[in-house]
N, C-alpha and C. Protein backbone atom coordinates (compact mmCIF):
# COMPACT_ATOMS: atom_id res chain seq x y z
N MET A 1 155.06 -50.77 274.39
CA MET A 1 154.16 -49.96 273.47
C MET A 1 154.78 -48.99 273.37
N LYS A 2 154.19 -48.52 271.94
CA LYS A 2 154.97 -47.12 271.72
C LYS A 2 153.70 -45.66 271.50
N ALA A 3 154.12 -44.70 271.85
CA ALA A 3 152.95 -43.88 271.93
C ALA A 3 152.54 -43.20 271.22
N ASP A 4 151.33 -42.88 271.16
CA ASP A 4 150.72 -42.30 270.42
C ASP A 4 150.98 -41.10 269.81
N ILE A 5 151.85 -40.25 269.17
CA ILE A 5 152.55 -39.24 269.29
C ILE A 5 151.73 -38.27 268.02
N GLY A 6 150.53 -38.71 267.40
CA GLY A 6 149.44 -38.05 267.40
C GLY A 6 148.56 -37.43 267.95
N ARG A 7 148.15 -38.40 268.81
CA ARG A 7 147.29 -38.07 270.09
C ARG A 7 147.93 -36.93 271.65
N ILE A 8 148.93 -37.32 271.80
CA ILE A 8 149.86 -36.34 272.56
C ILE A 8 150.01 -35.00 271.53
N GLN A 9 150.46 -35.00 270.56
CA GLN A 9 150.60 -33.57 269.53
C GLN A 9 148.94 -32.84 269.86
N LYS A 10 148.17 -33.71 269.53
CA LYS A 10 146.61 -33.02 269.46
C LYS A 10 146.08 -32.53 270.72
N MET A 11 146.70 -33.40 272.22
CA MET A 11 146.46 -33.27 273.60
C MET A 11 147.36 -31.78 273.48
N GLU A 12 148.24 -32.04 273.45
CA GLU A 12 149.48 -30.69 273.80
C GLU A 12 149.02 -29.68 273.21
N ALA A 13 148.16 -29.55 271.92
CA ALA A 13 147.60 -28.25 271.60
C ALA A 13 146.15 -27.61 272.21
N LEU A 14 145.61 -29.24 272.33
CA LEU A 14 144.45 -29.02 273.16
C LEU A 14 145.06 -27.67 274.55
N LEU A 15 145.88 -28.40 275.11
CA LEU A 15 146.41 -27.74 276.50
C LEU A 15 146.95 -26.39 276.35
N ASN A 16 147.58 -26.32 275.32
CA ASN A 16 148.13 -24.87 275.20
C ASN A 16 147.28 -23.80 274.48
N ARG A 17 146.00 -24.50 274.02
CA ARG A 17 144.64 -23.50 274.18
C ARG A 17 143.95 -23.17 275.02
N CYS A 18 143.79 -24.35 275.71
CA CYS A 18 143.15 -24.25 276.94
C CYS A 18 143.86 -23.14 277.96
N THR A 19 145.27 -23.46 278.13
CA THR A 19 145.83 -22.52 279.00
C THR A 19 146.15 -20.99 278.30
N ALA A 20 145.51 -20.86 276.93
CA ALA A 20 146.06 -19.13 276.85
C ALA A 20 144.75 -18.59 276.93
N ALA A 21 143.65 -19.67 276.95
CA ALA A 21 142.51 -19.27 276.42
C ALA A 21 141.97 -18.92 278.23
N SER A 22 142.40 -19.69 279.20
CA SER A 22 142.26 -19.32 280.90
C SER A 22 142.89 -18.16 281.13
N ALA A 23 143.72 -17.78 280.51
CA ALA A 23 144.96 -16.46 280.86
C ALA A 23 144.02 -15.41 280.62
N ARG A 24 143.58 -15.54 279.37
CA ARG A 24 143.02 -13.73 278.67
C ARG A 24 141.53 -14.10 279.66
N LEU A 25 140.72 -15.16 279.48
CA LEU A 25 139.13 -15.12 280.80
C LEU A 25 139.60 -14.98 281.68
N ASP A 26 141.05 -14.69 282.86
CA ASP A 26 141.04 -14.60 283.99
C ASP A 26 141.19 -12.86 283.88
N GLN A 27 142.05 -12.40 282.84
CA GLN A 27 142.15 -10.99 282.44
C GLN A 27 141.64 -10.49 282.63
N SER A 28 140.39 -10.87 281.38
CA SER A 28 139.55 -9.89 281.50
C SER A 28 138.41 -9.54 282.56
N LEU A 29 138.19 -10.95 283.30
CA LEU A 29 137.82 -11.00 284.90
C LEU A 29 137.71 -10.08 285.74
N GLU A 30 139.50 -10.01 285.63
CA GLU A 30 140.01 -8.43 286.45
C GLU A 30 140.08 -7.74 285.93
N GLU A 31 139.70 -7.24 284.96
CA GLU A 31 139.49 -6.36 284.49
C GLU A 31 137.75 -5.68 284.84
N MET A 32 136.87 -6.88 285.06
CA MET A 32 135.71 -6.43 285.07
C MET A 32 135.82 -6.16 286.38
N ASP A 33 135.75 -7.05 287.02
CA ASP A 33 136.39 -6.99 288.93
C ASP A 33 136.63 -5.08 289.24
N ALA A 34 138.39 -5.07 288.41
CA ALA A 34 138.52 -3.59 289.19
C ALA A 34 137.33 -2.38 288.66
N LEU A 35 136.11 -3.09 287.25
CA LEU A 35 135.38 -1.95 287.00
C LEU A 35 133.81 -2.07 287.49
N ARG A 36 133.93 -2.73 288.32
CA ARG A 36 132.40 -3.02 289.09
C ARG A 36 131.60 -1.98 289.54
N LYS A 37 132.19 -1.58 291.00
CA LYS A 37 132.18 -0.29 291.20
C LYS A 37 131.29 1.27 290.33
N ASP A 38 132.33 1.43 288.98
CA ASP A 38 131.91 1.85 287.96
C ASP A 38 131.03 1.64 287.56
N THR A 39 130.59 -0.13 286.79
CA THR A 39 129.67 -0.43 285.82
C THR A 39 128.30 -0.13 287.41
N ILE A 40 128.44 -0.50 288.28
CA ILE A 40 126.94 -0.20 289.29
C ILE A 40 126.68 1.11 288.82
N ARG A 41 127.27 2.26 288.79
CA ARG A 41 127.26 3.54 289.39
C ARG A 41 126.69 4.35 287.92
N LEU A 42 127.12 3.26 286.54
CA LEU A 42 126.71 3.88 285.56
C LEU A 42 125.29 2.93 285.58
N PHE A 43 125.52 2.07 285.88
CA PHE A 43 124.06 1.60 285.42
C PHE A 43 122.58 2.32 286.77
N ARG A 44 123.52 2.42 287.67
CA ARG A 44 122.29 3.29 288.51
C ARG A 44 121.96 4.72 287.98
N TYR A 45 122.47 5.59 287.41
CA TYR A 45 122.54 6.15 286.53
C TYR A 45 121.38 6.42 285.63
N TYR A 46 121.97 5.22 285.00
CA TYR A 46 120.71 4.97 283.65
C TYR A 46 119.21 4.94 283.71
N GLY A 47 118.68 6.12 283.58
CA GLY A 47 117.15 6.18 283.77
C GLY A 47 117.16 6.82 285.27
N SER A 48 117.64 7.55 285.61
CA SER A 48 117.93 8.07 287.00
C SER A 48 117.26 9.49 286.19
N GLU A 49 116.68 10.37 287.72
CA GLU A 49 116.27 11.89 287.89
C GLU A 49 117.61 12.83 286.87
N ALA A 50 118.93 12.52 287.39
CA ALA A 50 120.06 12.96 286.79
C ALA A 50 120.47 12.54 285.40
N TRP A 51 120.33 11.38 284.79
CA TRP A 51 120.10 11.21 283.67
C TRP A 51 118.86 11.93 282.65
N HIS A 52 117.76 11.93 283.05
CA HIS A 52 116.94 12.30 282.60
C HIS A 52 117.34 14.12 282.72
N ALA A 53 117.70 14.61 283.13
CA ALA A 53 117.74 15.98 283.63
C ALA A 53 118.79 16.15 282.55
N ASP A 54 120.43 15.26 282.37
CA ASP A 54 121.29 15.47 281.72
C ASP A 54 120.58 15.54 280.17
N ARG A 55 120.23 14.34 279.82
CA ARG A 55 118.96 14.56 278.26
C ARG A 55 118.27 15.41 278.23
N GLU A 56 117.56 16.42 278.97
CA GLU A 56 116.73 17.48 278.38
C GLU A 56 117.94 18.96 278.42
N ALA A 57 118.78 18.47 278.84
CA ALA A 57 120.12 19.75 278.97
C ALA A 57 120.57 19.95 277.34
N GLU A 58 121.13 21.25 277.37
CA GLU A 58 121.72 21.64 276.47
C GLU A 58 123.07 21.69 276.61
N LEU A 59 123.56 20.61 274.92
CA LEU A 59 124.96 20.39 275.14
C LEU A 59 125.91 20.93 274.22
N PRO A 60 127.19 21.37 274.80
CA PRO A 60 127.64 22.08 273.86
C PRO A 60 128.41 20.92 272.81
N GLU A 61 128.55 21.61 271.15
CA GLU A 61 128.60 21.05 270.04
C GLU A 61 129.83 20.36 270.24
N GLY A 62 129.85 18.82 270.08
CA GLY A 62 131.15 18.37 270.27
C GLY A 62 131.35 17.12 271.33
N VAL A 63 130.34 17.32 272.17
CA VAL A 63 130.41 16.57 273.29
C VAL A 63 130.13 15.23 273.36
N SER A 64 130.68 14.32 273.49
CA SER A 64 130.06 12.56 273.57
C SER A 64 129.28 12.80 274.49
N ALA A 65 127.69 11.62 273.87
CA ALA A 65 127.09 12.19 275.52
C ALA A 65 125.89 10.42 274.41
N GLY A 66 126.66 9.73 274.47
CA GLY A 66 126.17 8.19 273.68
C GLY A 66 125.50 7.92 275.12
N VAL A 67 126.06 8.04 276.26
CA VAL A 67 125.55 7.37 277.56
C VAL A 67 123.83 7.90 277.71
N LEU A 68 123.44 9.39 277.11
CA LEU A 68 122.22 9.60 277.27
C LEU A 68 121.41 9.16 276.16
N SER A 69 121.76 7.94 275.52
CA SER A 69 121.11 7.68 274.50
C SER A 69 120.23 6.44 275.62
N GLU A 70 119.44 5.99 275.00
CA GLU A 70 118.70 4.79 275.60
C GLU A 70 119.28 3.41 275.18
N ASP A 71 119.61 3.36 274.04
CA ASP A 71 120.15 2.18 273.22
C ASP A 71 121.38 1.92 274.30
N ALA A 72 122.32 2.91 273.96
CA ALA A 72 124.15 2.62 274.40
C ALA A 72 123.82 2.22 275.94
N ALA A 73 123.52 2.61 276.81
CA ALA A 73 123.35 2.42 278.27
C ALA A 73 122.56 0.71 278.37
N TYR A 74 121.40 0.49 277.98
CA TYR A 74 120.21 -0.55 277.86
C TYR A 74 121.49 -1.76 277.44
N ASP A 75 121.88 -1.36 275.96
CA ASP A 75 122.59 -2.55 275.17
C ASP A 75 123.63 -3.22 276.19
N ALA A 76 124.50 -2.11 277.28
CA ALA A 76 125.45 -2.44 277.82
C ALA A 76 125.22 -3.09 278.83
N ILE A 77 124.10 -2.91 279.52
CA ILE A 77 123.60 -3.95 280.91
C ILE A 77 122.66 -4.93 280.42
N THR A 78 122.82 -4.85 278.93
CA THR A 78 122.32 -6.72 278.92
C THR A 78 123.17 -7.22 278.45
N ALA A 79 124.31 -6.88 277.46
CA ALA A 79 125.53 -7.29 277.33
C ALA A 79 126.04 -7.82 278.52
N LEU A 80 126.50 -7.24 279.96
CA LEU A 80 126.90 -7.81 280.71
C LEU A 80 126.16 -8.65 281.47
N ARG A 81 125.27 -8.66 281.54
CA ARG A 81 123.97 -10.05 281.72
C ARG A 81 124.12 -11.23 281.44
N ASP A 82 123.99 -11.13 279.89
CA ASP A 82 124.02 -11.92 279.08
C ASP A 82 125.45 -12.82 279.48
N SER A 83 126.23 -11.86 279.22
CA SER A 83 128.16 -12.38 279.77
C SER A 83 128.11 -13.22 281.10
N ALA A 84 127.28 -12.76 282.22
CA ALA A 84 127.18 -12.97 283.64
C ALA A 84 126.90 -14.64 283.38
N PHE A 85 125.38 -14.43 282.73
CA PHE A 85 124.58 -16.04 282.99
C PHE A 85 125.66 -16.88 282.48
N HIS A 86 126.15 -16.36 281.26
CA HIS A 86 127.11 -17.17 280.39
C HIS A 86 128.44 -17.73 281.07
N MET A 87 128.78 -16.83 281.86
CA MET A 87 129.94 -17.38 282.63
C MET A 87 129.39 -18.14 284.02
N LEU A 88 128.69 -17.88 284.37
CA LEU A 88 127.51 -18.97 285.03
C LEU A 88 127.43 -20.16 284.87
N LYS A 89 126.65 -20.40 283.59
CA LYS A 89 126.90 -22.00 283.06
C LYS A 89 127.95 -22.78 282.74
N LEU A 90 128.58 -21.63 282.16
CA LEU A 90 130.50 -22.31 281.91
C LEU A 90 130.76 -23.05 283.34
N ALA A 91 131.11 -21.84 284.48
CA ALA A 91 131.30 -22.60 285.76
C ALA A 91 130.73 -23.64 286.28
N THR A 92 129.24 -23.68 286.21
CA THR A 92 128.53 -25.10 286.67
C THR A 92 128.64 -25.80 285.67
N ASP A 93 129.06 -25.94 284.45
CA ASP A 93 129.39 -26.79 284.10
C ASP A 93 130.82 -27.69 283.97
N ILE A 94 131.93 -26.83 284.37
CA ILE A 94 133.28 -26.99 285.01
C ILE A 94 133.28 -27.77 285.51
N LEU A 95 132.63 -27.33 286.97
CA LEU A 95 132.53 -27.55 288.46
C LEU A 95 131.82 -28.98 288.44
N GLU A 96 131.10 -28.80 287.46
CA GLU A 96 129.76 -30.23 287.85
C GLU A 96 130.71 -31.47 287.00
N ASN A 97 130.80 -31.67 285.98
CA ASN A 97 130.82 -32.24 285.00
C ASN A 97 132.64 -32.07 284.50
N ARG A 98 133.23 -31.57 284.71
CA ARG A 98 134.68 -31.53 284.36
C ARG A 98 136.13 -31.78 284.99
N ILE A 99 135.98 -31.59 286.23
CA ILE A 99 137.24 -31.22 287.38
C ILE A 99 136.27 -32.47 288.56
């Protein structure tokens, strides 16, 4: 019996893509894990008394203060939550059905 070279090449390409994607995901997860405490601090700051006080204060011209907008912080929180749910669904699918 001859080996199906076409199938082997397709599976090899899938293996390489999967391995590369897994490495990128692991790197991103490590980065998020390292930022976990800072992320919690940021999310607790949003909407706090300090955040409201900073919004009312006069800022020098040229100071970047996107963190004081309602949309930027809310969008960051929502995006992270969406990513967390996506990771949870993906992890559940992998653990239940694929391995």
